[in-house]
């Protein structure tokens, strides 16, 4: 059993793979329950806008493409 615990500890110490633009990004919750981040929220939102498809806004994109044609 000790061997299995050692393997689990190694997995926890590895850092996750991240996008190049988010290199060095770290987020934590302090003792007061506040979110502390190494990147500004605005930069995170810009990144998400560029790289993540918003399902709720798909119909707006489709309408704008049809009106342009």
PDB file of N, CA and C in Angstrom:
ATOM      1  N   UNK A   1       0.794  -1.208   0.000  1.00  0.00           N
ATOM      2  CA  UNK A   1       0.000   0.000   0.000  1.00  0.00           C
ATOM      3  C   UNK A   1       0.843   1.282   0.000  1.00  0.00           C
ATOM      4  N   UNK A   2       1.953   1.375   0.684  1.00  0.00           N
ATOM      5  CA  UNK A   2       2.714   2.630   0.673  1.00  0.00           C
ATOM      6  C   UNK A   2       3.136   3.049  -0.733  1.00  0.00           C
ATOM      7  N   UNK A   3       3.390   2.065  -1.591  1.00  0.00           N
ATOM      8  CA  UNK A   3       3.813   2.391  -2.950  1.00  0.00           C
ATOM      9  C   UNK A   3       2.718   3.158  -3.696  1.00  0.00           C
ATOM     10  N   UNK A   4       1.494   2.789  -3.507  1.00  0.00           N
ATOM     11  CA  UNK A   4       0.379   3.455  -4.173  1.00  0.00           C
ATOM     12  C   UNK A   4       0.253   4.901  -3.694  1.00  0.00           C
ATOM     13  N   UNK A   5       0.450   5.144  -2.431  1.00  0.00           N
ATOM     14  CA  UNK A   5       0.385   6.497  -1.892  1.00  0.00           C
ATOM     15  C   UNK A   5       1.469   7.372  -2.505  1.00  0.00           C
ATOM     16  N   UNK A   6       2.626   6.809  -2.738  1.00  0.00           N
ATOM     17  CA  UNK A   6       3.729   7.564  -3.312  1.00  0.00           C
ATOM     18  C   UNK A   6       3.399   8.001  -4.737  1.00  0.00           C
ATOM     19  N   UNK A   7       2.768   7.145  -5.494  1.00  0.00           N
ATOM     20  CA  UNK A   7       2.370   7.468  -6.865  1.00  0.00           C
ATOM     21  C   UNK A   7       1.328   8.586  -6.857  1.00  0.00           C
ATOM     22  N   UNK A   8       0.372   8.526  -5.939  1.00  0.00           N
ATOM     23  CA  UNK A   8      -0.647   9.557  -5.841  1.00  0.00           C
ATOM     24  C   UNK A   8      -0.028  10.904  -5.488  1.00  0.00           C
ATOM     25  N   UNK A   9       0.973  10.922  -4.646  1.00  0.00           N
ATOM     26  CA  UNK A   9       1.635  12.166  -4.264  1.00  0.00           C
ATOM     27  C   UNK A   9       2.367  12.775  -5.456  1.00  0.00           C
ATOM     28  N   UNK A  10       2.940  11.944  -6.315  1.00  0.00           N
ATOM     29  CA  UNK A  10       3.625  12.446  -7.502  1.00  0.00           C
ATOM     30  C   UNK A  10       2.637  13.087  -8.476  1.00  0.00           C
ATOM     31  N   UNK A  11       1.454  12.526  -8.622  1.00  0.00           N
ATOM     32  CA  UNK A  11       0.442  13.089  -9.512  1.00  0.00           C
ATOM     33  C   UNK A  11      -0.007  14.458  -9.026  1.00  0.00           C
ATOM     34  N   UNK A  12      -0.148  14.634  -7.733  1.00  0.00           N
ATOM     35  CA  UNK A  12      -0.591  15.900  -7.175  1.00  0.00           C
ATOM     36  C   UNK A  12       0.435  17.006  -7.362  1.00  0.00           C
ATOM     37  N   UNK A  13       1.710  16.657  -7.399  1.00  0.00           N
ATOM     38  CA  UNK A  13       2.761  17.668  -7.489  1.00  0.00           C
ATOM     39  C   UNK A  13       2.977  18.161  -8.920  1.00  0.00           C
ATOM     40  N   UNK A  14       2.459  17.453  -9.928  1.00  0.00           N
ATOM     41  CA  UNK A  14       2.633  17.854 -11.317  1.00  0.00           C
ATOM     42  C   UNK A  14       1.709  19.007 -11.647  1.00  0.00           C
ATOM     43  N   UNK A  15       2.233  19.966 -12.434  1.00  0.00           N
ATOM     44  CA  UNK A  15       1.413  21.094 -12.858  1.00  0.00           C
ATOM     45  C   UNK A  15       0.637  20.702 -14.113  1.00  0.00           C
ATOM     46  N   UNK A  16      -0.580  21.194 -14.255  1.00  0.00           N
ATOM     47  CA  UNK A  16      -1.369  20.875 -15.446  1.00  0.00           C
ATOM     48  C   UNK A  16      -0.844  21.595 -16.675  1.00  0.00           C
ATOM     49  N   UNK A  17      -1.131  21.052 -17.858  1.00  0.00           N
ATOM     50  CA  UNK A  17      -0.758  21.709 -19.107  1.00  0.00           C
ATOM     51  C   UNK A  17      -1.706  22.871 -19.338  1.00  0.00           C
ATOM     52  N   UNK A  18      -1.171  23.999 -19.759  1.00  0.00           N
ATOM     53  CA  UNK A  18      -2.004  25.175 -20.012  1.00  0.00           C
ATOM     54  C   UNK A  18      -1.656  25.779 -21.365  1.00  0.00           C
ATOM     55  N   UNK A  19      -2.541  26.591 -21.881  1.00  0.00           N
ATOM     56  CA  UNK A  19      -2.322  27.307 -23.133  1.00  0.00           C
ATOM     57  C   UNK A  19      -1.173  28.298 -22.939  1.00  0.00           C
ATOM     58  N   UNK A  20      -0.439  28.583 -23.999  1.00  0.00           N
ATOM     59  CA  UNK A  20       0.719  29.476 -23.911  1.00  0.00           C
ATOM     60  C   UNK A  20       0.346  30.859 -23.389  1.00  0.00           C
ATOM     61  N   UNK A  21      -0.838  31.339 -23.762  1.00  0.00           N
ATOM     62  CA  UNK A  21      -1.277  32.662 -23.307  1.00  0.00           C
ATOM     63  C   UNK A  21      -1.569  32.697 -21.814  1.00  0.00           C
ATOM     64  N   UNK A  22      -1.846  31.547 -21.223  1.00  0.00           N
ATOM     65  CA  UNK A  22      -2.178  31.480 -19.800  1.00  0.00           C
ATOM     66  C   UNK A  22      -1.016  30.980 -18.950  1.00  0.00           C
ATOM     67  N   UNK A  23       0.168  30.979 -19.512  1.00  0.00           N
ATOM     68  CA  UNK A  23       1.351  30.510 -18.791  1.00  0.00           C
ATOM     69  C   UNK A  23       1.537  31.348 -17.522  1.00  0.00           C
ATOM     70  N   UNK A  24       1.710  30.693 -16.398  1.00  0.00           N
ATOM     71  CA  UNK A  24       1.910  31.378 -15.123  1.00  0.00           C
ATOM     72  C   UNK A  24       0.608  31.733 -14.422  1.00  0.00           C
ATOM     73  N   UNK A  25      -0.524  31.351 -14.993  1.00  0.00           N
ATOM     74  CA  UNK A  25      -1.815  31.646 -14.386  1.00  0.00           C
ATOM     75  C   UNK A  25      -2.019  30.788 -13.151  1.00  0.00           C
ATOM     76  N   UNK A  26      -2.387  31.429 -12.055  1.00  0.00           N
ATOM     77  CA  UNK A  26      -2.654  30.719 -10.816  1.00  0.00           C
ATOM     78  C   UNK A  26      -3.840  31.391 -10.150  1.00  0.00           C
ATOM     79  N   UNK A  27      -4.738  30.603  -9.618  1.00  0.00           N
ATOM     80  CA  UNK A  27      -5.920  31.143  -8.950  1.00  0.00           C
ATOM     81  C   UNK A  27      -6.090  30.423  -7.619  1.00  0.00           C
ATOM     82  N   UNK A  28      -6.397  31.200  -6.591  1.00  0.00           N
ATOM     83  CA  UNK A  28      -6.565  30.641  -5.247  1.00  0.00           C
ATOM     84  C   UNK A  28      -7.689  31.379  -4.537  1.00  0.00           C
ATOM     85  N   UNK A  29      -8.171  30.798  -3.456  1.00  0.00           N
ATOM     86  CA  UNK A  29      -9.157  31.446  -2.603  1.00  0.00           C
ATOM     87  C   UNK A  29      -8.498  31.669  -1.254  1.00  0.00           C
ATOM     88  N   UNK A  30      -8.452  32.934  -0.817  1.00  0.00           N
ATOM     89  CA  UNK A  30      -7.772  33.238   0.438  1.00  0.00           C
ATOM     90  C   UNK A  30      -8.674  32.929   1.640  1.00  0.00           C
ATOM     91  N   UNK A  31      -8.193  33.218   2.822  1.00  0.00           N
ATOM     92  CA  UNK A  31      -8.900  32.889   4.052  1.00  0.00           C
ATOM     93  C   UNK A  31     -10.230  33.626   4.174  1.00  0.00           C
ATOM     94  N   UNK A  32     -10.377  34.751   3.496  1.00  0.00           N
ATOM     95  CA  UNK A  32     -11.613  35.531   3.557  1.00  0.00           C
ATOM     96  C   UNK A  32     -12.617  35.136   2.476  1.00  0.00           C
ATOM     97  N   UNK A  33     -12.282  34.143   1.658  1.00  0.00           N
ATOM     98  CA  UNK A  33     -13.165  33.686   0.602  1.00  0.00           C
ATOM     99  C   UNK A  33     -13.049  34.493  -0.673  1.00  0.00           C
ATOM    100  N   UNK A  34     -12.027  35.332  -0.766  1.00  0.00           N
ATOM    101  CA  UNK A  34     -11.817  36.148  -1.958  1.00  0.00           C
ATOM    102  C   UNK A  34     -10.987  35.366  -2.974  1.00  0.00           C
ATOM    103  N   UNK A  35     -11.303  35.551  -4.247  1.00  0.00           N
ATOM    104  CA  UNK A  35     -10.562  34.898  -5.316  1.00  0.00           C
ATOM    105  C   UNK A  35      -9.332  35.740  -5.628  1.00  0.00           C
ATOM    106  N   UNK A  36      -8.162  35.119  -5.555  1.00  0.00           N
ATOM    107  CA  UNK A  36      -6.902  35.790  -5.837  1.00  0.00           C
ATOM    108  C   UNK A  36      -6.303  35.139  -7.077  1.00  0.00           C
ATOM    109  N   UNK A  37      -5.999  35.958  -8.089  1.00  0.00           N
ATOM    110  CA  UNK A  37      -5.514  35.442  -9.358  1.00  0.00           C
ATOM    111  C   UNK A  37      -4.251  36.181  -9.768  1.00  0.00           C
ATOM    112  N   UNK A  38      -3.410  35.505 -10.565  1.00  0.00           N
ATOM    113  CA  UNK A  38      -2.194  36.140 -11.055  1.00  0.00           C
ATOM    114  C   UNK A  38      -2.444  36.908 -12.345  1.00  0.00           C
ATOM    115  N   UNK A  39      -3.593  36.691 -12.996  1.00  0.00           N
ATOM    116  CA  UNK A  39      -3.968  37.425 -14.203  1.00  0.00           C
ATOM    117  C   UNK A  39      -5.214  38.254 -13.924  1.00  0.00           C
ATOM    118  N   UNK A  40      -5.337  39.370 -14.624  1.00  0.00           N
ATOM    119  CA  UNK A  40      -6.518  40.202 -14.465  1.00  0.00           C
ATOM    120  C   UNK A  40      -7.730  39.495 -15.077  1.00  0.00           C
ATOM    121  N   UNK A  41      -8.874  39.711 -14.486  1.00  0.00           N
ATOM    122  CA  UNK A  41     -10.111  39.095 -14.955  1.00  0.00           C
ATOM    123  C   UNK A  41     -10.402  39.483 -16.393  1.00  0.00           C
ATOM    124  N   UNK A  42     -10.115  40.725 -16.769  1.00  0.00           N
ATOM    125  CA  UNK A  42     -10.376  41.180 -18.136  1.00  0.00           C
ATOM    126  C   UNK A  42      -9.579  40.369 -19.155  1.00  0.00           C
ATOM    127  N   UNK A  43      -8.322  40.061 -18.838  1.00  0.00           N
ATOM    128  CA  UNK A  43      -7.489  39.277 -19.751  1.00  0.00           C
ATOM    129  C   UNK A  43      -8.007  37.838 -19.859  1.00  0.00           C
ATOM    130  N   UNK A  44      -8.479  37.287 -18.760  1.00  0.00           N
ATOM    131  CA  UNK A  44      -9.044  35.935 -18.777  1.00  0.00           C
ATOM    132  C   UNK A  44     -10.310  35.919 -19.631  1.00  0.00           C
ATOM    133  N   UNK A  45     -11.165  36.934 -19.473  1.00  0.00           N
ATOM    134  CA  UNK A  45     -12.399  37.015 -20.263  1.00  0.00           C
ATOM    135  C   UNK A  45     -12.098  37.169 -21.751  1.00  0.00           C
ATOM    136  N   UNK A  46     -11.106  37.965 -22.112  1.00  0.00           N
ATOM    137  CA  UNK A  46     -10.723  38.119 -23.516  1.00  0.00           C
ATOM    138  C   UNK A  46     -10.268  36.780 -24.097  1.00  0.00           C
ATOM    139  N   UNK A  47      -9.463  36.053 -23.339  1.00  0.00           N
ATOM    140  CA  UNK A  47      -8.993  34.740 -23.778  1.00  0.00           C
ATOM    141  C   UNK A  47     -10.169  33.801 -24.003  1.00  0.00           C
ATOM    142  N   UNK A  48     -11.098  33.762 -23.060  1.00  0.00           N
ATOM    143  CA  UNK A  48     -12.247  32.873 -23.180  1.00  0.00           C
ATOM    144  C   UNK A  48     -13.134  33.265 -24.354  1.00  0.00           C
ATOM    145  N   UNK A  49     -13.297  34.564 -24.600  1.00  0.00           N
ATOM    146  CA  UNK A  49     -14.102  35.014 -25.737  1.00  0.00           C
ATOM    147  C   UNK A  49     -13.512  34.536 -27.063  1.00  0.00           C
ATOM    148  N   UNK A  50     -12.188  34.530 -27.160  1.00  0.00           N
ATOM    149  CA  UNK A  50     -11.533  34.112 -28.395  1.00  0.00           C
ATOM    150  C   UNK A  50     -11.548  32.606 -28.589  1.00  0.00           C
ATOM    151  N   UNK A  51     -11.463  31.832 -27.519  1.00  0.00           N
ATOM    152  CA  UNK A  51     -11.220  30.394 -27.641  1.00  0.00           C
ATOM    153  C   UNK A  51     -12.377  29.481 -27.247  1.00  0.00           C
ATOM    154  N   UNK A  52     -13.439  30.016 -26.664  1.00  0.00           N
ATOM    155  CA  UNK A  52     -14.536  29.168 -26.210  1.00  0.00           C
ATOM    156  C   UNK A  52     -15.821  29.587 -26.918  1.00  0.00           C
ATOM    157  N   UNK A  53     -16.524  28.617 -27.465  1.00  0.00           N
ATOM    158  CA  UNK A  53     -17.788  28.855 -28.152  1.00  0.00           C
ATOM    159  C   UNK A  53     -18.905  28.951 -27.116  1.00  0.00           C
ATOM    160  N   UNK A  54     -19.664  30.030 -27.159  1.00  0.00           N
ATOM    161  CA  UNK A  54     -20.774  30.230 -26.232  1.00  0.00           C
ATOM    162  C   UNK A  54     -22.058  29.713 -26.863  1.00  0.00           C
ATOM    163  N   UNK A  55     -22.625  28.649 -26.316  1.00  0.00           N
ATOM    164  CA  UNK A  55     -23.812  28.011 -26.880  1.00  0.00           C
ATOM    165  C   UNK A  55     -25.014  28.949 -26.875  1.00  0.00           C
ATOM    166  N   UNK A  56     -25.107  29.800 -25.884  1.00  0.00           N
ATOM    167  CA  UNK A  56     -26.263  30.685 -25.773  1.00  0.00           C
ATOM    168  C   UNK A  56     -26.243  31.792 -26.820  1.00  0.00           C
ATOM    169  N   UNK A  57     -25.069  32.098 -27.372  1.00  0.00           N
ATOM    170  CA  UNK A  57     -24.960  33.183 -28.344  1.00  0.00           C
ATOM    171  C   UNK A  57     -24.856  32.687 -29.780  1.00  0.00           C
ATOM    172  N   UNK A  58     -24.942  31.392 -30.003  1.00  0.00           N
ATOM    173  CA  UNK A  58     -24.830  30.844 -31.354  1.00  0.00           C
ATOM    174  C   UNK A  58     -25.903  31.391 -32.284  1.00  0.00           C
ATOM    175  N   UNK A  59     -27.122  31.515 -31.801  1.00  0.00           N
ATOM    176  CA  UNK A  59     -28.211  31.989 -32.653  1.00  0.00           C
ATOM    177  C   UNK A  59     -27.971  33.438 -33.099  1.00  0.00           C
ATOM    178  N   UNK A  60     -27.324  34.242 -32.295  1.00  0.00           N
ATOM    179  CA  UNK A  60     -27.018  35.618 -32.688  1.00  0.00           C
ATOM    180  C   UNK A  60     -25.978  35.646 -33.800  1.00  0.00           C
ATOM    181  N   UNK A  61     -25.000  34.787 -33.734  1.00  0.00           N
ATOM    182  CA  UNK A  61     -23.970  34.725 -34.767  1.00  0.00           C
ATOM    183  C   UNK A  61     -24.569  34.264 -36.088  1.00  0.00           C
ATOM    184  N   UNK A  62     -25.467  33.285 -36.023  1.00  0.00           N
ATOM    185  CA  UNK A  62     -26.109  32.768 -37.241  1.00  0.00           C
ATOM    186  C   UNK A  62     -26.962  33.845 -37.910  1.00  0.00           C
ATOM    187  N   UNK A  63     -27.680  34.651 -37.145  1.00  0.00           N
ATOM    188  CA  UNK A  63     -28.509  35.714 -37.710  1.00  0.00           C
ATOM    189  C   UNK A  63     -27.667  36.781 -38.379  1.00  0.00           C
ATOM    190  N   UNK A  64     -26.542  37.129 -37.753  1.00  0.00           N
ATOM    191  CA  UNK A  64     -25.689  38.166 -38.326  1.00  0.00           C
ATOM    192  C   UNK A  64     -25.032  37.680 -39.624  1.00  0.00           C
ATOM    193  N   UNK A  65     -24.688  36.416 -39.729  1.00  0.00           N
ATOM    194  CA  UNK A  65     -24.107  35.864 -40.955  1.00  0.00           C
ATOM    195  C   UNK A  65     -25.143  35.845 -42.068  1.00  0.00           C
ATOM    196  N   UNK A  66     -26.389  35.504 -41.759  1.00  0.00           N
ATOM    197  CA  UNK A  66     -27.445  35.462 -42.772  1.00  0.00           C
ATOM    198  C   UNK A  66     -27.777  36.863 -43.275  1.00  0.00           C
ATOM    199  N   UNK A  67     -27.760  37.846 -42.386  1.00  0.00           N
ATOM    200  CA  UNK A  67     -28.092  39.210 -42.803  1.00  0.00           C
ATOM    201  C   UNK A  67     -26.986  39.825 -43.670  1.00  0.00           C
ATOM    202  N   UNK A  68     -25.746  39.381 -43.481  1.00  0.00           N
ATOM    203  CA  UNK A  68     -24.636  39.887 -44.286  1.00  0.00           C
ATOM    204  C   UNK A  68     -24.712  39.347 -45.704  1.00  0.00           C
ATOM    205  N   UNK A  69     -25.253  38.149 -45.890  1.00  0.00           N
ATOM    206  CA  UNK A  69     -25.326  37.527 -47.213  1.00  0.00           C
ATOM    207  C   UNK A  69     -26.463  38.113 -47.948  1.00  0.00           C
TER     208      UNK A  69
END
